[in-house]
Amino acid sequence: MITYGLEDAAQFLHMSTAALGSLARSAKIKAAKPGKRWVFLEEDLVAYLNALYAVHGQAPRSGCEEETSQWHCINAETRGGLTSRRPAGKEYAALLGLKTRS
C-alpha cells in the first residue's frame, strides 16, 4: 500500500496543495491526519480521479459539487421601491380611465 503526503498527493492529482487540503478537510477526498500532516492512500486518490470521469453522454465533472439554488421561480419580479418600472394601482386606473377615490 503506497501512501502520499499532501505535496506528493497534490502533484499526483495535478492540483494545488491548498485545493487538496480543502478537499481533505471537507471530507470530499479520503485522507487521514495521524499527526500534524495529511496522509493519502494511492487507491483513494485513484478512486477520487475515477469519480471525476464523465459518464456516457455527460460532460466531464470538474470536482465541484452541484450548485443548489435558493430561488423557487425564475421569473420572479419585485414591485415597489425607488426603481419600480411597473405602474402601481393608481397609475393603472389612470391608464384605463377608471374612477378612483381620493
PDB file of N, CA and C in Angstrom:
ATOM      1  N   MET A   1       0.856  -1.173   0.000  1.00  0.00           N
ATOM      2  CA  MET A   1       0.000   0.000   0.000  1.00  0.00           C
ATOM      3  C   MET A   1       0.904   1.239   0.000  1.00  0.00           C
ATOM      4  N   ILE A   2       0.673   2.127  -0.970  1.00  0.00           N
ATOM      5  CA  ILE A   2       1.501   3.320  -1.110  1.00  0.00           C
ATOM      6  C   ILE A   2       0.775   4.509  -0.484  1.00  0.00           C
ATOM      7  N   THR A   3       1.512   5.291   0.300  1.00  0.00           N
ATOM      8  CA  THR A   3       0.935   6.493   0.911  1.00  0.00           C
ATOM      9  C   THR A   3       1.652   7.726   0.379  1.00  0.00           C
ATOM     10  N   TYR A   4       0.935   8.845   0.398  1.00  0.00           N
ATOM     11  CA  TYR A   4       1.459  10.119  -0.082  1.00  0.00           C
ATOM     12  C   TYR A   4       1.214  11.195   0.966  1.00  0.00           C
ATOM     13  N   GLY A   5       2.131  12.129   1.044  1.00  0.00           N
ATOM     14  CA  GLY A   5       1.913  13.335   1.831  1.00  0.00           C
ATOM     15  C   GLY A   5       1.099  14.328   1.002  1.00  0.00           C
ATOM     16  N   LEU A   6       0.791  15.466   1.584  1.00  0.00           N
ATOM     17  CA  LEU A   6      -0.037  16.461   0.903  1.00  0.00           C
ATOM     18  C   LEU A   6       0.601  16.930  -0.407  1.00  0.00           C
ATOM     19  N   GLU A   7       1.880  17.249  -0.394  1.00  0.00           N
ATOM     20  CA  GLU A   7       2.558  17.761  -1.588  1.00  0.00           C
ATOM     21  C   GLU A   7       2.594  16.724  -2.704  1.00  0.00           C
ATOM     22  N   ASP A   8       2.944  15.484  -2.350  1.00  0.00           N
ATOM     23  CA  ASP A   8       3.025  14.421  -3.355  1.00  0.00           C
ATOM     24  C   ASP A   8       1.639  14.061  -3.889  1.00  0.00           C
ATOM     25  N   ALA A   9       0.643  14.040  -3.012  1.00  0.00           N
ATOM     26  CA  ALA A   9      -0.719  13.728  -3.445  1.00  0.00           C
ATOM     27  C   ALA A   9      -1.254  14.822  -4.368  1.00  0.00           C
ATOM     28  N   ALA A  10      -0.951  16.069  -4.051  1.00  0.00           N
ATOM     29  CA  ALA A  10      -1.379  17.177  -4.903  1.00  0.00           C
ATOM     30  C   ALA A  10      -0.708  17.080  -6.273  1.00  0.00           C
ATOM     31  N   GLN A  11       0.562  16.706  -6.295  1.00  0.00           N
ATOM     32  CA  GLN A  11       1.270  16.529  -7.565  1.00  0.00           C
ATOM     33  C   GLN A  11       0.667  15.365  -8.344  1.00  0.00           C
ATOM     34  N   PHE A  12       0.317  14.290  -7.663  1.00  0.00           N
ATOM     35  CA  PHE A  12      -0.305  13.122  -8.288  1.00  0.00           C
ATOM     36  C   PHE A  12      -1.625  13.513  -8.960  1.00  0.00           C
ATOM     37  N   LEU A  13      -2.406  14.374  -8.287  1.00  0.00           N
ATOM     38  CA  LEU A  13      -3.705  14.800  -8.810  1.00  0.00           C
ATOM     39  C   LEU A  13      -3.608  16.027  -9.713  1.00  0.00           C
ATOM     40  N   HIS A  14      -2.417  16.598  -9.851  1.00  0.00           N
ATOM     41  CA  HIS A  14      -2.210  17.808 -10.656  1.00  0.00           C
ATOM     42  C   HIS A  14      -3.074  18.960 -10.158  1.00  0.00           C
ATOM     43  N   MET A  15      -3.016  19.207  -8.861  1.00  0.00           N
ATOM     44  CA  MET A  15      -3.739  20.329  -8.261  1.00  0.00           C
ATOM     45  C   MET A  15      -2.863  20.963  -7.194  1.00  0.00           C
ATOM     46  N   SER A  16      -3.301  22.099  -6.705  1.00  0.00           N
ATOM     47  CA  SER A  16      -2.516  22.790  -5.677  1.00  0.00           C
ATOM     48  C   SER A  16      -2.682  22.104  -4.321  1.00  0.00           C
ATOM     49  N   THR A  17      -1.708  22.310  -3.458  1.00  0.00           N
ATOM     50  CA  THR A  17      -1.799  21.738  -2.118  1.00  0.00           C
ATOM     51  C   THR A  17      -2.939  22.386  -1.330  1.00  0.00           C
ATOM     52  N   ALA A  18      -3.212  23.667  -1.593  1.00  0.00           N
ATOM     53  CA  ALA A  18      -4.312  24.344  -0.896  1.00  0.00           C
ATOM     54  C   ALA A  18      -5.655  23.729  -1.282  1.00  0.00           C
ATOM     55  N   ALA A  19      -5.827  23.448  -2.568  1.00  0.00           N
ATOM     56  CA  ALA A  19      -7.092  22.847  -3.022  1.00  0.00           C
ATOM     57  C   ALA A  19      -7.255  21.443  -2.448  1.00  0.00           C
ATOM     58  N   LEU A  20      -6.191  20.667  -2.449  1.00  0.00           N
ATOM     59  CA  LEU A  20      -6.265  19.309  -1.906  1.00  0.00           C
ATOM     60  C   LEU A  20      -6.504  19.339  -0.401  1.00  0.00           C
ATOM     61  N   GLY A  21      -5.855  20.255   0.299  1.00  0.00           N
ATOM     62  CA  GLY A  21      -6.095  20.380   1.740  1.00  0.00           C
ATOM     63  C   GLY A  21      -7.536  20.729   2.041  1.00  0.00           C
ATOM     64  N   SER A  22      -8.119  21.584   1.217  1.00  0.00           N
ATOM     65  CA  SER A  22      -9.530  21.952   1.389  1.00  0.00           C
ATOM     66  C   SER A  22     -10.444  20.753   1.152  1.00  0.00           C
ATOM     67  N   LEU A  23     -10.135  19.955   0.128  1.00  0.00           N
ATOM     68  CA  LEU A  23     -10.929  18.746  -0.135  1.00  0.00           C
ATOM     69  C   LEU A  23     -10.810  17.751   1.014  1.00  0.00           C
ATOM     70  N   ALA A  24      -9.616  17.623   1.570  1.00  0.00           N
ATOM     71  CA  ALA A  24      -9.403  16.693   2.685  1.00  0.00           C
ATOM     72  C   ALA A  24     -10.137  17.162   3.935  1.00  0.00           C
ATOM     73  N   ARG A  25     -10.069  18.464   4.236  1.00  0.00           N
ATOM     74  CA  ARG A  25     -10.761  18.993   5.426  1.00  0.00           C
ATOM     75  C   ARG A  25     -12.270  18.835   5.320  1.00  0.00           C
ATOM     76  N   SER A  26     -12.811  18.970   4.107  1.00  0.00           N
ATOM     77  CA  SER A  26     -14.259  18.856   3.927  1.00  0.00           C
ATOM     78  C   SER A  26     -14.694  17.415   3.655  1.00  0.00           C
ATOM     79  N   ALA A  27     -13.759  16.469   3.744  1.00  0.00           N
ATOM     80  CA  ALA A  27     -14.019  15.029   3.568  1.00  0.00           C
ATOM     81  C   ALA A  27     -14.554  14.705   2.177  1.00  0.00           C
ATOM     82  N   LYS A  28     -14.194  15.508   1.177  1.00  0.00           N
ATOM     83  CA  LYS A  28     -14.587  15.214  -0.199  1.00  0.00           C
ATOM     84  C   LYS A  28     -13.595  14.250  -0.849  1.00  0.00           C
ATOM     85  N   ILE A  29     -12.466  14.066  -0.197  1.00  0.00           N
ATOM     86  CA  ILE A  29     -11.486  13.068  -0.615  1.00  0.00           C
ATOM     87  C   ILE A  29     -11.001  12.378   0.663  1.00  0.00           C
ATOM     88  N   LYS A  30     -10.817  11.066   0.591  1.00  0.00           N
ATOM     89  CA  LYS A  30     -10.409  10.322   1.782  1.00  0.00           C
ATOM     90  C   LYS A  30      -8.979  10.655   2.150  1.00  0.00           C
ATOM     91  N   ALA A  31      -8.763  10.970   3.411  1.00  0.00           N
ATOM     92  CA  ALA A  31      -7.433  11.291   3.920  1.00  0.00           C
ATOM     93  C   ALA A  31      -7.434  11.091   5.428  1.00  0.00           C
ATOM     94  N   ALA A  32      -6.245  10.962   5.976  1.00  0.00           N
ATOM     95  CA  ALA A  32      -6.100  10.827   7.433  1.00  0.00           C
ATOM     96  C   ALA A  32      -5.030  11.807   7.891  1.00  0.00           C
ATOM     97  N   LYS A  33      -5.145  12.185   9.148  1.00  0.00           N
ATOM     98  CA  LYS A  33      -4.157  13.089   9.729  1.00  0.00           C
ATOM     99  C   LYS A  33      -3.700  12.475  11.051  1.00  0.00           C
ATOM    100  N   PRO A  34      -2.818  11.469  10.984  1.00  0.00           N
ATOM    101  CA  PRO A  34      -2.407  10.795  12.210  1.00  0.00           C
ATOM    102  C   PRO A  34      -1.575  11.671  13.149  1.00  0.00           C
ATOM    103  N   GLY A  35      -0.960  12.677  12.610  1.00  0.00           N
ATOM    104  CA  GLY A  35      -0.183  13.630  13.410  1.00  0.00           C
ATOM    105  C   GLY A  35      -0.533  15.031  12.962  1.00  0.00           C
ATOM    106  N   LYS A  36       0.472  15.749  12.526  1.00  0.00           N
ATOM    107  CA  LYS A  36       0.249  17.110  12.039  1.00  0.00           C
ATOM    108  C   LYS A  36       0.170  17.185  10.524  1.00  0.00           C
ATOM    109  N   ARG A  37       0.333  16.055   9.832  1.00  0.00           N
ATOM    110  CA  ARG A  37       0.364  16.060   8.370  1.00  0.00           C
ATOM    111  C   ARG A  37      -0.691  15.135   7.793  1.00  0.00           C
ATOM    112  N   TRP A  38      -1.186  15.521   6.622  1.00  0.00           N
ATOM    113  CA  TRP A  38      -2.160  14.693   5.918  1.00  0.00           C
ATOM    114  C   TRP A  38      -1.470  13.498   5.282  1.00  0.00           C
ATOM    115  N   VAL A  39      -2.180  12.361   5.266  1.00  0.00           N
ATOM    116  CA  VAL A  39      -1.703  11.149   4.603  1.00  0.00           C
ATOM    117  C   VAL A  39      -2.813  10.650   3.690  1.00  0.00           C
ATOM    118  N   PHE A  40      -2.452  10.330   2.445  1.00  0.00           N
ATOM    119  CA  PHE A  40      -3.407   9.857   1.444  1.00  0.00           C
ATOM    120  C   PHE A  40      -2.962   8.488   0.944  1.00  0.00           C
ATOM    121  N   LEU A  41      -3.898   7.582   0.774  1.00  0.00           N
ATOM    122  CA  LEU A  41      -3.598   6.290   0.159  1.00  0.00           C
ATOM    123  C   LEU A  41      -3.741   6.437  -1.349  1.00  0.00           C
ATOM    124  N   GLU A  42      -2.836   5.807  -2.086  1.00  0.00           N
ATOM    125  CA  GLU A  42      -2.878   5.908  -3.542  1.00  0.00           C
ATOM    126  C   GLU A  42      -4.220   5.432  -4.096  1.00  0.00           C
ATOM    127  N   GLU A  43      -4.760   4.361  -3.528  1.00  0.00           N
ATOM    128  CA  GLU A  43      -6.036   3.832  -4.030  1.00  0.00           C
ATOM    129  C   GLU A  43      -7.171   4.840  -3.832  1.00  0.00           C
ATOM    130  N   ASP A  44      -7.125   5.657  -2.776  1.00  0.00           N
ATOM    131  CA  ASP A  44      -8.147   6.678  -2.562  1.00  0.00           C
ATOM    132  C   ASP A  44      -7.995   7.827  -3.553  1.00  0.00           C
ATOM    133  N   LEU A  45      -6.763   8.163  -3.896  1.00  0.00           N
ATOM    134  CA  LEU A  45      -6.527   9.204  -4.899  1.00  0.00           C
ATOM    135  C   LEU A  45      -7.029   8.754  -6.268  1.00  0.00           C
ATOM    136  N   VAL A  46      -6.774   7.491  -6.608  1.00  0.00           N
ATOM    137  CA  VAL A  46      -7.245   6.938  -7.881  1.00  0.00           C
ATOM    138  C   VAL A  46      -8.770   6.881  -7.893  1.00  0.00           C
ATOM    139  N   ALA A  47      -9.383   6.500  -6.764  1.00  0.00           N
ATOM    140  CA  ALA A  47     -10.850   6.456  -6.684  1.00  0.00           C
ATOM    141  C   ALA A  47     -11.442   7.855  -6.865  1.00  0.00           C
ATOM    142  N   TYR A  48     -10.794   8.864  -6.312  1.00  0.00           N
ATOM    143  CA  TYR A  48     -11.260  10.246  -6.485  1.00  0.00           C
ATOM    144  C   TYR A  48     -11.202  10.643  -7.957  1.00  0.00           C
ATOM    145  N   LEU A  49     -10.099  10.318  -8.626  1.00  0.00           N
ATOM    146  CA  LEU A  49      -9.983  10.623 -10.053  1.00  0.00           C
ATOM    147  C   LEU A  49     -11.026   9.871 -10.871  1.00  0.00           C
ATOM    148  N   ASN A  50     -11.242   8.606 -10.551  1.00  0.00           N
ATOM    149  CA  ASN A  50     -12.255   7.826 -11.272  1.00  0.00           C
ATOM    150  C   ASN A  50     -13.643   8.431 -11.130  1.00  0.00           C
ATOM    151  N   ALA A  51     -13.936   8.999  -9.969  1.00  0.00           N
ATOM    152  CA  ALA A  51     -15.250   9.610  -9.755  1.00  0.00           C
ATOM    153  C   ALA A  51     -15.434  10.871 -10.598  1.00  0.00           C
ATOM    154  N   LEU A  52     -14.332  11.473 -11.041  1.00  0.00           N
ATOM    155  CA  LEU A  52     -14.418  12.685 -11.853  1.00  0.00           C
ATOM    156  C   LEU A  52     -14.605  12.394 -13.338  1.00  0.00           C
ATOM    157  N   TYR A  53     -14.381  11.152 -13.751  1.00  0.00           N
ATOM    158  CA  TYR A  53     -14.541  10.804 -15.156  1.00  0.00           C
ATOM    159  C   TYR A  53     -15.998  10.933 -15.567  1.00  0.00           C
ATOM    160  N   ALA A  54     -16.206  11.305 -16.816  1.00  0.00           N
ATOM    161  CA  ALA A  54     -17.564  11.513 -17.332  1.00  0.00           C
ATOM    162  C   ALA A  54     -18.273  10.172 -17.519  1.00  0.00           C
ATOM    163  N   VAL A  55     -19.571  10.195 -17.234  1.00  0.00           N
ATOM    164  CA  VAL A  55     -20.432   9.064 -17.522  1.00  0.00           C
ATOM    165  C   VAL A  55     -20.885   9.242 -18.974  1.00  0.00           C
ATOM    166  N   HIS A  56     -21.294   8.184 -19.646  1.00  0.00           N
ATOM    167  CA  HIS A  56     -21.694   8.258 -21.053  1.00  0.00           C
ATOM    168  C   HIS A  56     -22.673   9.402 -21.288  1.00  0.00           C
ATOM    169  N   GLY A  57     -22.352  10.272 -22.237  1.00  0.00           N
ATOM    170  CA  GLY A  57     -23.252  11.356 -22.622  1.00  0.00           C
ATOM    171  C   GLY A  57     -23.216  12.575 -21.731  1.00  0.00           C
ATOM    172  N   GLN A  58     -22.316  12.629 -20.768  1.00  0.00           N
ATOM    173  CA  GLN A  58     -22.237  13.770 -19.867  1.00  0.00           C
ATOM    174  C   GLN A  58     -20.905  14.476 -20.044  1.00  0.00           C
ATOM    175  N   ALA A  59     -20.894  15.742 -19.704  1.00  0.00           N
ATOM    176  CA  ALA A  59     -19.647  16.494 -19.720  1.00  0.00           C
ATOM    177  C   ALA A  59     -18.791  16.049 -18.540  1.00  0.00           C
ATOM    178  N   PRO A  60     -17.472  16.132 -18.665  1.00  0.00           N
ATOM    179  CA  PRO A  60     -16.607  15.755 -17.542  1.00  0.00           C
ATOM    180  C   PRO A  60     -16.885  16.597 -16.313  1.00  0.00           C
ATOM    181  N   ARG A  61     -16.848  15.975 -15.158  1.00  0.00           N
ATOM    182  CA  ARG A  61     -17.062  16.699 -13.906  1.00  0.00           C
ATOM    183  C   ARG A  61     -15.787  17.420 -13.530  1.00  0.00           C
ATOM    184  N   SER A  62     -15.929  18.557 -12.901  1.00  0.00           N
ATOM    185  CA  SER A  62     -14.755  19.348 -12.539  1.00  0.00           C
ATOM    186  C   SER A  62     -14.345  19.151 -11.095  1.00  0.00           C
ATOM    187  N   GLY A  63     -15.054  18.328 -10.364  1.00  0.00           N
ATOM    188  CA  GLY A  63     -14.734  18.144  -8.958  1.00  0.00           C
ATOM    189  C   GLY A  63     -15.589  19.013  -8.070  1.00  0.00           C
ATOM    190  N   CYS A  64     -16.370  19.905  -8.662  1.00  0.00           N
ATOM    191  CA  CYS A  64     -17.241  20.787  -7.881  1.00  0.00           C
ATOM    192  C   CYS A  64     -18.542  20.051  -7.575  1.00  0.00           C
ATOM    193  N   GLU A  65     -19.073  20.340  -6.454  1.00  0.00           N
ATOM    194  CA  GLU A  65     -20.388  19.798  -6.130  1.00  0.00           C
ATOM    195  C   GLU A  65     -21.431  20.579  -6.899  1.00  0.00           C
ATOM    196  N   GLU A  66     -22.587  19.962  -7.121  1.00  0.00           N
ATOM    197  CA  GLU A  66     -23.648  20.656  -7.834  1.00  0.00           C
ATOM    198  C   GLU A  66     -24.112  21.850  -7.027  1.00  0.00           C
ATOM    199  N   GLU A  67     -24.354  22.913  -7.730  1.00  0.00           N
ATOM    200  CA  GLU A  67     -24.794  24.139  -7.077  1.00  0.00           C
ATOM    201  C   GLU A  67     -26.272  24.029  -6.739  1.00  0.00           C
ATOM    202  N   THR A  68     -26.620  24.402  -5.545  1.00  0.00           N
ATOM    203  CA  THR A  68     -28.023  24.400  -5.159  1.00  0.00           C
ATOM    204  C   THR A  68     -28.513  25.825  -5.111  1.00  0.00           C
ATOM    205  N   SER A  69     -29.696  26.034  -5.646  1.00  0.00           N
ATOM    206  CA  SER A  69     -30.259  27.368  -5.722  1.00  0.00           C
ATOM    207  C   SER A  69     -31.315  27.548  -4.655  1.00  0.00           C
ATOM    208  N   GLN A  70     -31.368  28.730  -4.086  1.00  0.00           N
ATOM    209  CA  GLN A  70     -32.394  29.034  -3.103  1.00  0.00           C
ATOM    210  C   GLN A  70     -33.604  29.681  -3.756  1.00  0.00           C
ATOM    211  N   TRP A  71     -33.539  29.945  -5.059  1.00  0.00           N
ATOM    212  CA  TRP A  71     -34.646  30.571  -5.777  1.00  0.00           C
ATOM    213  C   TRP A  71     -35.659  29.506  -6.138  1.00  0.00           C
ATOM    214  N   HIS A  72     -36.944  29.847  -6.008  1.00  0.00           N
ATOM    215  CA  HIS A  72     -38.003  28.885  -6.302  1.00  0.00           C
ATOM    216  C   HIS A  72     -38.654  29.141  -7.650  1.00  0.00           C
ATOM    217  N   CYS A  73     -38.468  30.307  -8.231  1.00  0.00           N
ATOM    218  CA  CYS A  73     -39.011  30.570  -9.552  1.00  0.00           C
ATOM    219  C   CYS A  73     -38.014  31.441 -10.307  1.00  0.00           C
ATOM    220  N   ILE A  74     -38.057  31.334 -11.622  1.00  0.00           N
ATOM    221  CA  ILE A  74     -37.067  32.055 -12.406  1.00  0.00           C
ATOM    222  C   ILE A  74     -37.584  33.383 -12.942  1.00  0.00           C
ATOM    223  N   ASN A  75     -38.897  33.600 -12.923  1.00  0.00           N
ATOM    224  CA  ASN A  75     -39.456  34.834 -13.461  1.00  0.00           C
ATOM    225  C   ASN A  75     -39.969  35.752 -12.361  1.00  0.00           C
ATOM    226  N   ALA A  76     -39.360  35.692 -11.202  1.00  0.00           N
ATOM    227  CA  ALA A  76     -39.824  36.480 -10.064  1.00  0.00           C
ATOM    228  C   ALA A  76     -39.538  37.959 -10.296  1.00  0.00           C
ATOM    229  N   GLU A  77     -40.504  38.785  -9.947  1.00  0.00           N
ATOM    230  CA  GLU A  77     -40.334  40.230 -10.034  1.00  0.00           C
ATOM    231  C   GLU A  77     -40.694  40.834  -8.693  1.00  0.00           C
ATOM    232  N   THR A  78     -39.991  41.850  -8.330  1.00  0.00           N
ATOM    233  CA  THR A  78     -40.336  42.570  -7.116  1.00  0.00           C
ATOM    234  C   THR A  78     -40.916  43.912  -7.524  1.00  0.00           C
ATOM    235  N   ARG A  79     -41.887  44.357  -6.782  1.00  0.00           N
ATOM    236  CA  ARG A  79     -42.521  45.636  -7.079  1.00  0.00           C
ATOM    237  C   ARG A  79     -42.275  46.595  -5.938  1.00  0.00           C
ATOM    238  N   GLY A  80     -42.400  47.865  -6.258  1.00  0.00           N
ATOM    239  CA  GLY A  80     -42.230  48.877  -5.240  1.00  0.00           C
ATOM    240  C   GLY A  80     -40.798  49.340  -5.156  1.00  0.00           C
ATOM    241  N   GLY A  81     -40.541  50.221  -4.238  1.00  0.00           N
ATOM    242  CA  GLY A  81     -39.198  50.758  -4.103  1.00  0.00           C
ATOM    243  C   GLY A  81     -38.970  51.888  -5.093  1.00  0.00           C
ATOM    244  N   LEU A  82     -37.807  52.414  -5.082  1.00  0.00           N
ATOM    245  CA  LEU A  82     -37.496  53.554  -5.936  1.00  0.00           C
ATOM    246  C   LEU A  82     -37.233  53.176  -7.386  1.00  0.00           C
ATOM    247  N   THR A  83     -36.931  51.902  -7.656  1.00  0.00           N
ATOM    248  CA  THR A  83     -36.584  51.509  -9.016  1.00  0.00           C
ATOM    249  C   THR A  83     -37.696  50.732  -9.697  1.00  0.00           C
ATOM    250  N   SER A  84     -38.924  50.802  -9.182  1.00  0.00           N
ATOM    251  CA  SER A  84     -40.019  50.053  -9.770  1.00  0.00           C
ATOM    252  C   SER A  84     -40.348  50.600 -11.153  1.00  0.00           C
ATOM    253  N   ARG A  85     -40.399  49.721 -12.144  1.00  0.00           N
ATOM    254  CA  ARG A  85     -40.734  50.118 -13.505  1.00  0.00           C
ATOM    255  C   ARG A  85     -42.194  49.826 -13.830  1.00  0.00           C
ATOM    256  N   ARG A  86     -42.875  49.108 -12.977  1.00  0.00           N
ATOM    257  CA  ARG A  86     -44.262  48.730 -13.227  1.00  0.00           C
ATOM    258  C   ARG A  86     -45.203  49.741 -12.578  1.00  0.00           C
ATOM    259  N   PRO A  87     -46.256  50.145 -13.282  1.00  0.00           N
ATOM    260  CA  PRO A  87     -47.196  51.103 -12.701  1.00  0.00           C
ATOM    261  C   PRO A  87     -47.937  50.513 -11.503  1.00  0.00           C
ATOM    262  N   ALA A  88     -48.201  51.330 -10.509  1.00  0.00           N
ATOM    263  CA  ALA A  88     -48.957  50.910  -9.333  1.00  0.00           C
ATOM    264  C   ALA A  88     -50.457  51.034  -9.626  1.00  0.00           C
ATOM    265  N   GLY A  89     -51.282  50.751  -8.629  1.00  0.00           N
ATOM    266  CA  GLY A  89     -52.739  50.723  -8.800  1.00  0.00           C
ATOM    267  C   GLY A  89     -53.322  52.007  -9.360  1.00  0.00           C
ATOM    268  N   LYS A  90     -52.932  53.177  -8.818  1.00  0.00           N
ATOM    269  CA  LYS A  90     -53.457  54.457  -9.293  1.00  0.00           C
ATOM    270  C   LYS A  90     -53.069  54.698 -10.748  1.00  0.00           C
ATOM    271  N   GLU A  91     -51.854  54.326 -11.098  1.00  0.00           N
ATOM    272  CA  GLU A  91     -51.392  54.535 -12.467  1.00  0.00           C
ATOM    273  C   GLU A  91     -52.147  53.630 -13.444  1.00  0.00           C
ATOM    274  N   TYR A  92     -52.440  52.385 -13.040  1.00  0.00           N
ATOM    275  CA  TYR A  92     -53.246  51.502 -13.877  1.00  0.00           C
ATOM    276  C   TYR A  92     -54.643  52.086 -14.078  1.00  0.00           C
ATOM    277  N   ALA A  93     -55.244  52.551 -12.980  1.00  0.00           N
ATOM    278  CA  ALA A  93     -56.592  53.111 -13.071  1.00  0.00           C
ATOM    279  C   ALA A  93     -56.601  54.329 -13.986  1.00  0.00           C
ATOM    280  N   ALA A  94     -55.569  55.167 -13.898  1.00  0.00           N
ATOM    281  CA  ALA A  94     -55.496  56.348 -14.760  1.00  0.00           C
ATOM    282  C   ALA A  94     -55.338  55.929 -16.221  1.00  0.00           C
ATOM    283  N   LEU A  95     -54.558  54.936 -16.463  1.00  0.00           N
ATOM    284  CA  LEU A  95     -54.355  54.468 -17.843  1.00  0.00           C
ATOM    285  C   LEU A  95     -55.628  53.854 -18.425  1.00  0.00           C
ATOM    286  N   LEU A  96     -56.404  53.187 -17.569  1.00  0.00           N
ATOM    287  CA  LEU A  96     -57.633  52.545 -18.025  1.00  0.00           C
ATOM    288  C   LEU A  96     -58.840  53.484 -17.969  1.00  0.00           C
ATOM    289  N   GLY A  97     -58.649  54.681 -17.426  1.00  0.00           N
ATOM    290  CA  GLY A  97     -59.747  55.648 -17.339  1.00  0.00           C
ATOM    291  C   GLY A  97     -60.757  55.303 -16.260  1.00  0.00           C
ATOM    292  N   LEU A  98     -60.336  54.597 -15.214  1.00  0.00           N
ATOM    293  CA  LEU A  98     -61.226  54.222 -14.126  1.00  0.00           C
ATOM    294  C   LEU A  98     -61.278  55.337 -13.099  1.00  0.00           C
ATOM    295  N   LYS A  99     -62.425  55.467 -12.446  1.00  0.00           N
ATOM    296  CA  LYS A  99     -62.562  56.457 -11.386  1.00  0.00           C
ATOM    297  C   LYS A  99     -61.988  55.856 -10.098  1.00  0.00           C
ATOM    298  N   THR A 100     -61.236  56.675  -9.384  1.00  0.00           N
ATOM    299  CA  THR A 100     -60.662  56.229  -8.114  1.00  0.00           C
ATOM    300  C   THR A 100     -61.033  57.232  -7.027  1.00  0.00           C
ATOM    301  N   ARG A 101     -61.000  56.752  -5.802  1.00  0.00           N
ATOM    302  CA  ARG A 101     -61.259  57.647  -4.672  1.00  0.00           C
ATOM    303  C   ARG A 101     -60.004  58.396  -4.313  1.00  0.00           C
ATOM    304  N   SER A 102     -60.164  59.634  -3.876  1.00  0.00           N
ATOM    305  CA  SER A 102     -59.007  60.430  -3.491  1.00  0.00           C
ATOM    306  C   SER A 102     -58.600  60.098  -2.079  1.00  0.00           C
TER     307      SER A 102
END
